[in-house]
């Protein structure tokens, strides 16, 4: 999963989302550092804090998506507003080798291989993970990325 926040206390928003994810029954196995990233495909908005986490969940991907949407709403995200600043955004990136293409959910995430704010933190926690459609590792996708947006690893002291 990739988490992002660009309004309010971004660090606390990520922490709260992680806590709520665990309350929904997903165990967090690994989490990347937090990265400050410039918005991609957004009008001029505040920078995001992004983080990638690996979770283990007994939920199937559609049920996990429902849980994520519930968390986003609990935290104050308005689902109908696109390209606007957000208190929290949670995306499912991969589900092992599962491929899903529905109107509500696409796994693997359709743009993950083009986004440094996903690839850099994902590479930190799992560089050898292979994208099930592209058959390339996260590490290789990161090296090939044409995204030039700024992605800066935050120091622990900057997150307080």
Foldseek 3Di string as FASTA:
>chain_A
DKKKAFDDLQLVLVVQLVVLLVVVAKAWDDKFFWKWWADDPADHGGTMTMMDTDIDGPDDPVVSLVSSVVSQVVQPADVVDPRDGGGMDDADQADQLDADDDPSDGPNPPCLLQDPSNLVNCCVTFQQRARNPVRDGSVVSNVVHPDPTDIGGDDPVVSD
